[in-house]
N, C-alpha and C. Protein backbone atom coordinates (compact mmCIF):
# COMPACT_ATOMS: atom_id res chain seq x y z
N MET A 1 -37.64 -34.25 91.54
CA MET A 1 -37.46 -35.69 91.44
C MET A 1 -38.80 -36.42 91.67
N LYS A 2 -39.56 -35.94 92.66
CA LYS A 2 -40.83 -36.58 92.96
C LYS A 2 -41.80 -36.43 91.79
N GLN A 3 -41.86 -35.24 91.17
CA GLN A 3 -42.74 -35.02 90.03
C GLN A 3 -42.33 -35.91 88.85
N MET A 4 -41.04 -36.09 88.67
CA MET A 4 -40.53 -36.95 87.59
C MET A 4 -40.98 -38.40 87.80
N ARG A 5 -40.93 -38.85 89.02
CA ARG A 5 -41.35 -40.21 89.36
C ARG A 5 -42.86 -40.38 89.12
N ILE A 6 -43.64 -39.38 89.49
CA ILE A 6 -45.10 -39.42 89.27
C ILE A 6 -45.40 -39.46 87.78
N ASN A 7 -44.70 -38.63 86.99
CA ASN A 7 -44.90 -38.64 85.54
C ASN A 7 -44.54 -39.99 84.93
N PHE A 8 -43.46 -40.57 85.40
CA PHE A 8 -43.04 -41.88 84.90
C PHE A 8 -44.08 -42.95 85.21
N LEU A 9 -44.57 -42.97 86.43
CA LEU A 9 -45.58 -43.96 86.82
C LEU A 9 -46.89 -43.74 86.06
N THR A 10 -47.26 -42.49 85.85
CA THR A 10 -48.47 -42.19 85.08
C THR A 10 -48.33 -42.68 83.65
N THR A 11 -47.16 -42.47 83.05
CA THR A 11 -46.91 -42.93 81.69
C THR A 11 -46.98 -44.45 81.61
N LEU A 12 -46.38 -45.13 82.56
CA LEU A 12 -46.44 -46.60 82.59
C LEU A 12 -47.87 -47.09 82.70
N LEU A 13 -48.64 -46.47 83.56
CA LEU A 13 -50.04 -46.86 83.74
C LEU A 13 -50.83 -46.64 82.46
N LEU A 14 -50.59 -45.55 81.79
CA LEU A 14 -51.28 -45.26 80.53
C LEU A 14 -50.93 -46.28 79.46
N ILE A 15 -49.66 -46.60 79.32
CA ILE A 15 -49.23 -47.60 78.33
C ILE A 15 -49.85 -48.95 78.65
N PHE A 16 -49.87 -49.33 79.92
CA PHE A 16 -50.44 -50.60 80.32
C PHE A 16 -51.94 -50.67 80.01
N SER A 17 -52.66 -49.58 80.30
CA SER A 17 -54.11 -49.59 80.04
C SER A 17 -54.41 -49.61 78.55
N ILE A 18 -53.60 -48.95 77.75
CA ILE A 18 -53.79 -49.01 76.29
C ILE A 18 -53.58 -50.43 75.80
N GLY A 19 -52.57 -51.10 76.32
CA GLY A 19 -52.30 -52.49 75.94
C GLY A 19 -53.45 -53.41 76.30
N LEU A 20 -54.07 -53.19 77.44
CA LEU A 20 -55.19 -54.03 77.85
C LEU A 20 -56.40 -53.83 76.96
N ASN A 21 -56.58 -52.63 76.45
CA ASN A 21 -57.74 -52.33 75.63
C ASN A 21 -57.49 -52.46 74.13
N ALA A 22 -56.32 -52.92 73.76
CA ALA A 22 -55.99 -53.05 72.34
C ALA A 22 -56.94 -54.05 71.68
N GLN A 23 -57.30 -53.76 70.46
CA GLN A 23 -58.20 -54.65 69.74
C GLN A 23 -57.47 -55.94 69.39
N ARG A 24 -58.19 -57.01 69.42
CA ARG A 24 -57.64 -58.30 69.05
C ARG A 24 -58.58 -58.91 68.03
N GLN A 25 -58.02 -59.61 67.09
CA GLN A 25 -58.86 -60.30 66.13
C GLN A 25 -58.07 -61.46 65.54
N GLN A 26 -58.66 -62.63 65.62
CA GLN A 26 -58.10 -63.83 65.01
C GLN A 26 -59.28 -64.59 64.43
N ILE A 27 -59.23 -64.85 63.14
CA ILE A 27 -60.28 -65.60 62.46
C ILE A 27 -59.63 -66.72 61.67
N GLU A 28 -60.12 -67.93 61.86
CA GLU A 28 -59.59 -69.07 61.12
C GLU A 28 -60.75 -69.96 60.68
N THR A 29 -60.52 -70.67 59.59
CA THR A 29 -61.49 -71.63 59.09
C THR A 29 -60.86 -73.01 59.12
N ILE A 30 -61.63 -73.99 59.54
CA ILE A 30 -61.13 -75.36 59.57
C ILE A 30 -62.23 -76.28 59.04
N THR A 31 -61.82 -77.35 58.38
CA THR A 31 -62.77 -78.34 57.87
C THR A 31 -62.62 -79.61 58.70
N ILE A 32 -63.75 -80.05 59.26
CA ILE A 32 -63.79 -81.28 60.06
C ILE A 32 -64.96 -82.11 59.56
N LYS A 33 -64.71 -83.36 59.24
CA LYS A 33 -65.75 -84.26 58.73
C LYS A 33 -66.47 -83.65 57.51
N GLY A 34 -65.72 -82.95 56.67
CA GLY A 34 -66.29 -82.36 55.46
C GLY A 34 -67.08 -81.09 55.68
N GLU A 35 -67.16 -80.60 56.91
CA GLU A 35 -67.90 -79.38 57.19
C GLU A 35 -66.93 -78.27 57.60
N ASN A 36 -67.17 -77.08 57.07
CA ASN A 36 -66.33 -75.93 57.40
C ASN A 36 -66.83 -75.24 58.66
N TYR A 37 -65.89 -74.84 59.49
CA TYR A 37 -66.18 -74.10 60.71
C TYR A 37 -65.36 -72.81 60.70
N ILE A 38 -66.00 -71.72 61.06
CA ILE A 38 -65.29 -70.44 61.20
C ILE A 38 -65.15 -70.17 62.69
N VAL A 39 -63.91 -69.99 63.10
CA VAL A 39 -63.61 -69.73 64.51
C VAL A 39 -63.10 -68.30 64.61
N ARG A 40 -63.69 -67.55 65.53
CA ARG A 40 -63.40 -66.12 65.60
C ARG A 40 -63.16 -65.70 67.05
N LEU A 41 -62.09 -64.97 67.24
CA LEU A 41 -61.78 -64.33 68.51
C LEU A 41 -61.60 -62.84 68.23
N ASP A 42 -62.45 -62.02 68.81
CA ASP A 42 -62.35 -60.57 68.62
C ASP A 42 -62.89 -59.86 69.85
N ASP A 43 -63.09 -58.57 69.73
CA ASP A 43 -63.53 -57.78 70.88
C ASP A 43 -64.94 -58.08 71.34
N SER A 44 -65.69 -58.87 70.56
CA SER A 44 -67.04 -59.26 70.99
C SER A 44 -67.06 -60.61 71.69
N GLY A 45 -65.95 -61.35 71.64
CA GLY A 45 -65.86 -62.65 72.29
C GLY A 45 -65.25 -63.71 71.40
N PHE A 46 -65.53 -64.96 71.72
CA PHE A 46 -65.01 -66.11 70.99
C PHE A 46 -66.19 -66.92 70.48
N SER A 47 -66.16 -67.33 69.21
CA SER A 47 -67.28 -68.10 68.68
C SER A 47 -66.83 -69.06 67.59
N VAL A 48 -67.63 -70.12 67.43
CA VAL A 48 -67.44 -71.09 66.36
C VAL A 48 -68.78 -71.21 65.64
N VAL A 49 -68.75 -71.03 64.31
CA VAL A 49 -69.95 -71.10 63.49
C VAL A 49 -69.74 -72.18 62.45
N ASN A 50 -70.76 -73.05 62.25
CA ASN A 50 -70.64 -74.10 61.24
C ASN A 50 -71.03 -73.57 59.87
N SER A 51 -70.94 -74.44 58.85
CA SER A 51 -71.19 -74.01 57.47
C SER A 51 -72.65 -73.63 57.22
N LYS A 52 -73.54 -74.02 58.12
CA LYS A 52 -74.96 -73.64 58.00
C LYS A 52 -75.25 -72.30 58.66
N GLY A 53 -74.23 -71.71 59.27
CA GLY A 53 -74.40 -70.43 59.94
C GLY A 53 -74.84 -70.55 61.39
N ASN A 54 -74.88 -71.77 61.91
CA ASN A 54 -75.27 -71.99 63.31
C ASN A 54 -74.07 -71.78 64.23
N ARG A 55 -74.26 -71.00 65.27
CA ARG A 55 -73.21 -70.80 66.26
C ARG A 55 -73.23 -72.02 67.18
N ILE A 56 -72.16 -72.80 67.15
CA ILE A 56 -72.12 -74.03 67.93
C ILE A 56 -71.31 -73.90 69.22
N LEU A 57 -70.55 -72.82 69.32
CA LEU A 57 -69.80 -72.54 70.54
C LEU A 57 -69.66 -71.03 70.64
N SER A 58 -69.96 -70.51 71.80
CA SER A 58 -69.89 -69.06 71.96
C SER A 58 -69.49 -68.71 73.39
N LEU A 59 -68.48 -67.89 73.51
CA LEU A 59 -68.09 -67.34 74.80
C LEU A 59 -68.20 -65.83 74.70
N PRO A 60 -69.15 -65.22 75.42
CA PRO A 60 -69.29 -63.77 75.34
C PRO A 60 -68.04 -63.07 75.87
N LEU A 61 -67.94 -61.81 75.59
CA LEU A 61 -66.76 -61.03 75.97
C LEU A 61 -66.40 -61.20 77.43
N LYS A 62 -67.38 -61.16 78.32
CA LYS A 62 -67.08 -61.27 79.76
C LYS A 62 -66.44 -62.61 80.11
N ASP A 63 -66.69 -63.66 79.30
CA ASP A 63 -66.12 -64.98 79.56
C ASP A 63 -64.88 -65.26 78.72
N SER A 64 -64.52 -64.35 77.82
CA SER A 64 -63.39 -64.60 76.93
C SER A 64 -62.34 -63.50 76.96
N GLU A 65 -62.46 -62.58 77.91
CA GLU A 65 -61.55 -61.43 77.96
C GLU A 65 -60.08 -61.82 78.02
N GLY A 66 -59.75 -62.89 78.71
CA GLY A 66 -58.35 -63.26 78.87
C GLY A 66 -57.79 -64.17 77.80
N ILE A 67 -58.58 -64.52 76.79
CA ILE A 67 -58.07 -65.41 75.74
C ILE A 67 -57.03 -64.66 74.91
N LYS A 68 -55.82 -65.21 74.83
CA LYS A 68 -54.77 -64.60 74.01
C LYS A 68 -54.83 -65.13 72.58
N THR A 69 -55.05 -66.42 72.44
CA THR A 69 -55.02 -67.04 71.12
C THR A 69 -55.71 -68.39 71.16
N PHE A 70 -55.95 -68.96 69.98
CA PHE A 70 -56.48 -70.32 69.90
C PHE A 70 -55.75 -71.06 68.79
N GLU A 71 -55.81 -72.38 68.87
CA GLU A 71 -55.21 -73.20 67.82
C GLU A 71 -55.98 -74.51 67.69
N PHE A 72 -55.79 -75.17 66.56
CA PHE A 72 -56.42 -76.46 66.29
C PHE A 72 -55.38 -77.56 66.38
N LYS A 73 -55.76 -78.66 67.02
CA LYS A 73 -54.88 -79.82 67.12
C LYS A 73 -55.73 -80.99 67.59
N ASP A 74 -55.39 -82.17 67.16
CA ASP A 74 -56.12 -83.37 67.58
C ASP A 74 -55.54 -83.85 68.92
N PHE A 75 -56.05 -83.31 70.00
CA PHE A 75 -55.50 -83.60 71.32
C PHE A 75 -55.84 -85.00 71.82
N ASN A 76 -57.02 -85.49 71.52
CA ASN A 76 -57.41 -86.81 72.03
C ASN A 76 -57.19 -87.93 71.02
N LYS A 77 -56.53 -87.62 69.92
CA LYS A 77 -56.12 -88.61 68.90
C LYS A 77 -57.29 -89.41 68.35
N ASP A 78 -58.43 -88.74 68.14
CA ASP A 78 -59.58 -89.42 67.54
C ASP A 78 -59.72 -89.14 66.05
N GLY A 79 -58.76 -88.38 65.50
CA GLY A 79 -58.79 -88.06 64.08
C GLY A 79 -59.48 -86.75 63.75
N TYR A 80 -59.97 -86.04 64.77
CA TYR A 80 -60.66 -84.76 64.57
C TYR A 80 -59.93 -83.65 65.32
N GLU A 81 -59.88 -82.48 64.68
CA GLU A 81 -59.23 -81.33 65.29
C GLU A 81 -60.05 -80.82 66.48
N ASP A 82 -59.36 -80.47 67.53
CA ASP A 82 -59.97 -79.88 68.71
C ASP A 82 -59.51 -78.42 68.80
N ILE A 83 -60.10 -77.66 69.70
CA ILE A 83 -59.74 -76.25 69.86
C ILE A 83 -59.06 -76.05 71.21
N PHE A 84 -57.90 -75.44 71.15
CA PHE A 84 -57.11 -75.15 72.34
C PHE A 84 -57.08 -73.63 72.53
N LEU A 85 -57.51 -73.16 73.70
CA LEU A 85 -57.50 -71.73 74.01
C LEU A 85 -56.41 -71.44 75.03
N GLU A 86 -55.66 -70.39 74.80
CA GLU A 86 -54.65 -69.97 75.75
C GLU A 86 -55.10 -68.66 76.38
N TRP A 87 -55.14 -68.64 77.70
CA TRP A 87 -55.64 -67.49 78.46
C TRP A 87 -54.49 -66.84 79.22
N SER A 88 -54.69 -65.60 79.57
CA SER A 88 -53.75 -64.90 80.44
C SER A 88 -54.49 -63.76 81.11
N ASN A 89 -54.11 -63.47 82.33
CA ASN A 89 -54.66 -62.29 83.00
C ASN A 89 -53.60 -61.72 83.92
N LEU A 90 -53.95 -60.71 84.67
CA LEU A 90 -52.96 -60.04 85.51
C LEU A 90 -52.45 -60.90 86.65
N PHE A 91 -53.25 -61.86 87.10
CA PHE A 91 -52.90 -62.61 88.29
C PHE A 91 -52.34 -64.00 87.99
N VAL A 92 -52.80 -64.62 86.92
CA VAL A 92 -52.35 -65.97 86.58
C VAL A 92 -51.99 -65.98 85.10
N ASN A 93 -50.80 -66.45 84.79
CA ASN A 93 -50.38 -66.54 83.39
C ASN A 93 -50.61 -67.93 82.85
N ASP A 94 -50.87 -68.00 81.58
CA ASP A 94 -50.92 -69.25 80.83
C ASP A 94 -51.95 -70.25 81.33
N LEU A 95 -53.18 -69.81 81.44
CA LEU A 95 -54.29 -70.73 81.66
C LEU A 95 -54.66 -71.33 80.31
N ARG A 96 -55.22 -72.52 80.31
CA ARG A 96 -55.58 -73.17 79.06
C ARG A 96 -56.95 -73.81 79.16
N SER A 97 -57.65 -73.83 78.03
CA SER A 97 -58.93 -74.53 77.93
C SER A 97 -58.90 -75.37 76.67
N LEU A 98 -59.52 -76.53 76.75
CA LEU A 98 -59.56 -77.43 75.61
C LEU A 98 -61.00 -77.78 75.30
N TYR A 99 -61.39 -77.62 74.04
CA TYR A 99 -62.72 -77.99 73.57
C TYR A 99 -62.55 -79.12 72.57
N LEU A 100 -63.06 -80.30 72.92
CA LEU A 100 -62.94 -81.48 72.05
C LEU A 100 -64.08 -81.52 71.05
N PHE A 101 -63.76 -81.92 69.82
CA PHE A 101 -64.80 -82.06 68.80
C PHE A 101 -65.54 -83.37 69.05
N ILE A 102 -66.88 -83.32 69.06
CA ILE A 102 -67.72 -84.50 69.26
C ILE A 102 -68.34 -84.84 67.90
N PRO A 103 -67.84 -85.90 67.24
CA PRO A 103 -68.30 -86.22 65.88
C PRO A 103 -69.81 -86.46 65.77
N SER A 104 -70.41 -87.08 66.78
CA SER A 104 -71.84 -87.41 66.70
C SER A 104 -72.73 -86.16 66.66
N SER A 105 -72.28 -85.08 67.30
CA SER A 105 -73.10 -83.86 67.34
C SER A 105 -72.57 -82.76 66.42
N GLY A 106 -71.31 -82.90 65.99
CA GLY A 106 -70.70 -81.85 65.18
C GLY A 106 -70.41 -80.59 65.98
N LYS A 107 -70.28 -80.75 67.31
CA LYS A 107 -70.03 -79.61 68.20
C LYS A 107 -68.75 -79.84 69.00
N PHE A 108 -68.35 -78.81 69.74
CA PHE A 108 -67.19 -78.90 70.61
C PHE A 108 -67.66 -78.89 72.05
N ARG A 109 -66.97 -79.68 72.90
CA ARG A 109 -67.33 -79.77 74.32
C ARG A 109 -66.09 -79.52 75.17
N LYS A 110 -66.24 -78.75 76.21
CA LYS A 110 -65.12 -78.44 77.11
C LYS A 110 -64.74 -79.66 77.92
């Protein structure tokens, strides 16, 4: 019985660790003020690149590990799409970050 319990716990731990290391990838394109932006979330981190190829927002892997997904929505009702990040980790569920689009700079600000 004890060996069976150890095997069960080992299997659960293995499944959990595989889930944590699973690859993630979400890529979306959005047009704001006539300019295209590519937003990418993958195993290298989270980034936003404008149509000129300039990275205007970047969160390296160590700062973006808990991001589950992102979406676009005009949160401050200024007519421009903003970026909403949903985070999760082992200790706290459903953390959120909001990056507002700043029309004067063409960038996003937390």
